[in-house]
C-alpha atoms as a PDB file:
ATOM      1  CA  MET A   1     -46.950 -42.553 -13.900  1.00  0.00           C
ATOM      2  CA  ALA A   2     -49.751 -42.992 -11.395  1.00  0.00           C
ATOM      3  CA  ASN A   3     -53.143 -44.205 -12.549  1.00  0.00           C
ATOM      4  CA  TYR A   4     -56.118 -42.599 -10.796  1.00  0.00           C
ATOM      5  CA  GLY A   5     -59.213 -44.177 -12.238  1.00  0.00           C
ATOM      6  CA  ASP A   6     -59.513 -43.114 -15.857  1.00  0.00           C
ATOM      7  CA  ARG A   7     -56.892 -40.346 -15.510  1.00  0.00           C
ATOM      8  CA  LYS A   8     -53.140 -40.676 -15.542  1.00  0.00           C
ATOM      9  CA  LYS A   9     -51.016 -38.151 -13.694  1.00  0.00           C
ATOM     10  CA  SER A  10     -47.394 -37.547 -14.428  1.00  0.00           C
ATOM     11  CA  PHE A  11     -45.032 -34.617 -14.433  1.00  0.00           C
ATOM     12  CA  ASN A  12     -44.847 -32.453 -17.520  1.00  0.00           C
ATOM     13  CA  PHE A  13     -41.541 -31.406 -19.096  1.00  0.00           C
ATOM     14  CA  HIS A  14     -41.175 -28.216 -17.047  1.00  0.00           C
ATOM     15  CA  GLN A  15     -41.818 -30.041 -13.786  1.00  0.00           C
ATOM     16  CA  LYS A  16     -39.249 -32.700 -14.666  1.00  0.00           C
ATOM     17  CA  ILE A  17     -36.633 -30.005 -15.322  1.00  0.00           C
ATOM     18  CA  ILE A  18     -37.522 -28.293 -12.015  1.00  0.00           C
ATOM     19  CA  LEU A  19     -37.117 -31.562 -10.115  1.00  0.00           C
ATOM     20  CA  LEU A  20     -33.808 -32.317 -11.828  1.00  0.00           C
ATOM     21  CA  VAL A  21     -32.441 -28.864 -10.963  1.00  0.00           C
ATOM     22  CA  MET A  22     -33.762 -29.176  -7.406  1.00  0.00           C
ATOM     23  CA  ASP A  23     -32.063 -32.569  -6.956  1.00  0.00           C
ATOM     24  CA  ILE A  24     -28.749 -31.260  -8.277  1.00  0.00           C
ATOM     25  CA  THR A  25     -29.042 -28.180  -6.063  1.00  0.00           C
ATOM     26  CA  LEU A  26     -29.740 -30.301  -2.965  1.00  0.00           C
ATOM     27  CA  LEU A  27     -26.722 -32.492  -3.715  1.00  0.00           C
ATOM     28  CA  ALA A  28     -24.524 -29.422  -4.178  1.00  0.00           C
ATOM     29  CA  GLU A  29     -25.816 -27.987  -0.886  1.00  0.00           C
ATOM     30  CA  LEU A  30     -25.093 -31.285   0.853  1.00  0.00           C
ATOM     31  CA  CYS A  31     -21.534 -31.382  -0.510  1.00  0.00           C
ATOM     32  CA  TYR A  32     -20.915 -27.776   0.507  1.00  0.00           C
ATOM     33  CA  THR A  33     -22.277 -28.384   3.991  1.00  0.00           C
ATOM     34  CA  MET A  34     -20.154 -31.506   4.497  1.00  0.00           C
ATOM     35  CA  HIS A  35     -17.093 -29.575   3.342  1.00  0.00           C
ATOM     36  CA  ALA A  36     -17.874 -26.632   5.633  1.00  0.00           C
ATOM     37  CA  ALA A  37     -18.599 -28.826   8.672  1.00  0.00           C
ATOM     38  CA  TYR A  38     -15.572 -31.134   8.318  1.00  0.00           C
ATOM     39  CA  PRO A  39     -13.054 -28.883  10.137  1.00  0.00           C
ATOM     40  CA  ALA A  40     -15.404 -28.604  13.144  1.00  0.00           C
ATOM     41  CA  GLY A  41     -14.378 -32.069  14.386  1.00  0.00           C
ATOM     42  CA  GLU A  42     -16.457 -32.874  17.467  1.00  0.00           C
ATOM     43  CA  ALA A  43     -19.059 -30.242  16.603  1.00  0.00           C
ATOM     44  CA  PHE A  44     -19.594 -31.661  13.097  1.00  0.00           C
ATOM     45  CA  SER A  45     -23.276 -32.487  13.645  1.00  0.00           C
ATOM     46  CA  ALA A  46     -24.142 -29.093  15.058  1.00  0.00           C
ATOM     47  CA  VAL A  47     -22.322 -27.205  12.309  1.00  0.00           C
ATOM     48  CA  PHE A  48     -23.813 -29.476   9.656  1.00  0.00           C
ATOM     49  CA  LEU A  49     -27.383 -28.917  10.806  1.00  0.00           C
ATOM     50  CA  ARG A  50     -26.858 -25.196  11.340  1.00  0.00           C
ATOM     51  CA  THR A  51     -25.544 -24.908   7.783  1.00  0.00           C
ATOM     52  CA  TYR A  52     -27.727 -27.397   5.891  1.00  0.00           C
ATOM     53  CA  ALA A  53     -31.196 -26.558   7.251  1.00  0.00           C
ATOM     54  CA  PRO A  54     -31.231 -22.939   6.012  1.00  0.00           C
ATOM     55  CA  LEU A  55     -30.248 -24.194   2.553  1.00  0.00           C
ATOM     56  CA  PHE A  56     -32.462 -27.292   2.406  1.00  0.00           C
ATOM     57  CA  PHE A  57     -35.859 -25.928   3.409  1.00  0.00           C
ATOM     58  CA  PRO A  58     -36.030 -22.952   1.013  1.00  0.00           C
ATOM     59  CA  THR A  59     -34.852 -25.171  -1.843  1.00  0.00           C
ATOM     60  CA  VAL A  60     -37.574 -27.748  -1.225  1.00  0.00           C
ATOM     61  CA  ILE A  61     -40.286 -25.130  -0.675  1.00  0.00           C
ATOM     62  CA  LEU A  62     -39.289 -23.305  -3.872  1.00  0.00           C
ATOM     63  CA  GLY A  63     -39.240 -26.599  -5.806  1.00  0.00           C
ATOM     64  CA  ILE A  64     -42.734 -27.541  -4.619  1.00  0.00           C
ATOM     65  CA  TRP A  65     -44.049 -24.063  -5.403  1.00  0.00           C
ATOM     66  CA  LEU A  66     -42.537 -24.128  -8.909  1.00  0.00           C
ATOM     67  CA  CYS A  67     -43.907 -27.622  -9.626  1.00  0.00           C
ATOM     68  CA  ARG A  68     -47.382 -26.452  -8.655  1.00  0.00           C
ATOM     69  CA  ARG A  69     -46.955 -23.274 -10.673  1.00  0.00           C
ATOM     70  CA  PHE A  70     -46.021 -25.175 -13.837  1.00  0.00           C
ATOM     71  CA  ARG A  71     -48.557 -27.987 -13.668  1.00  0.00           C
ATOM     72  CA  ASP A  72     -50.834 -28.461 -16.650  1.00  0.00           C
ATOM     73  CA  ARG A  73     -53.846 -26.172 -16.645  1.00  0.00           C
ATOM     74  CA  GLN A  74     -56.249 -28.991 -17.606  1.00  0.00           C
ATOM     75  CA  VAL A  75     -55.161 -31.210 -14.702  1.00  0.00           C
ATOM     76  CA  ALA A  76     -55.348 -28.274 -12.278  1.00  0.00           C
ATOM     77  CA  SER A  77     -58.867 -27.322 -13.382  1.00  0.00           C
ATOM     78  CA  GLU A  78     -60.046 -30.947 -13.146  1.00  0.00           C
ATOM     79  CA  SER A  79     -58.656 -31.162  -9.618  1.00  0.00           C
ATOM     80  CA  MET A  80     -60.436 -27.969  -8.586  1.00  0.00           C
ATOM     81  CA  GLY A  81     -63.703 -29.180 -10.118  1.00  0.00           C
ATOM     82  CA  GLN A  82     -63.517 -32.477  -8.237  1.00  0.00           C
ATOM     83  CA  ALA A  83     -62.637 -30.713  -4.990  1.00  0.00           C
ATOM     84  CA  LYS A  84     -65.658 -28.427  -5.310  1.00  0.00           C
ATOM     85  CA  ALA A  85     -67.939 -31.385  -6.151  1.00  0.00           C
ATOM     86  CA  ALA A  86     -66.667 -33.397  -3.158  1.00  0.00           C
ATOM     87  CA  ALA A  87     -66.967 -30.512  -0.680  1.00  0.00           C
ATOM     88  CA  PRO A  88     -70.149 -30.603   1.426  1.00  0.00           C
ATOM     89  CA  GLU A  89     -72.399 -27.633   0.966  1.00  0.00           C
ATOM     90  CA  ALA A  90     -73.489 -25.713   4.046  1.00  0.00           C
END
């Protein structure tokens, strides 16, 4: 849990579940990719990257989006209030 001044930020229950599922999914994708690239022999690296990248990036992007979607409303509104207060007015 990070301490930012008088506030403490940590993940809520939903975000923890999302991160757990995302980690398990990334490990499963890694295992699948290693299994699929093994028969390629000399071209292992190329097959691995060609197979893993299209799986990895959407998983991470979806995980980040879901974590932001399920963050606590109070923390999100405090962040927006501080961002507006810190922004210079034109």
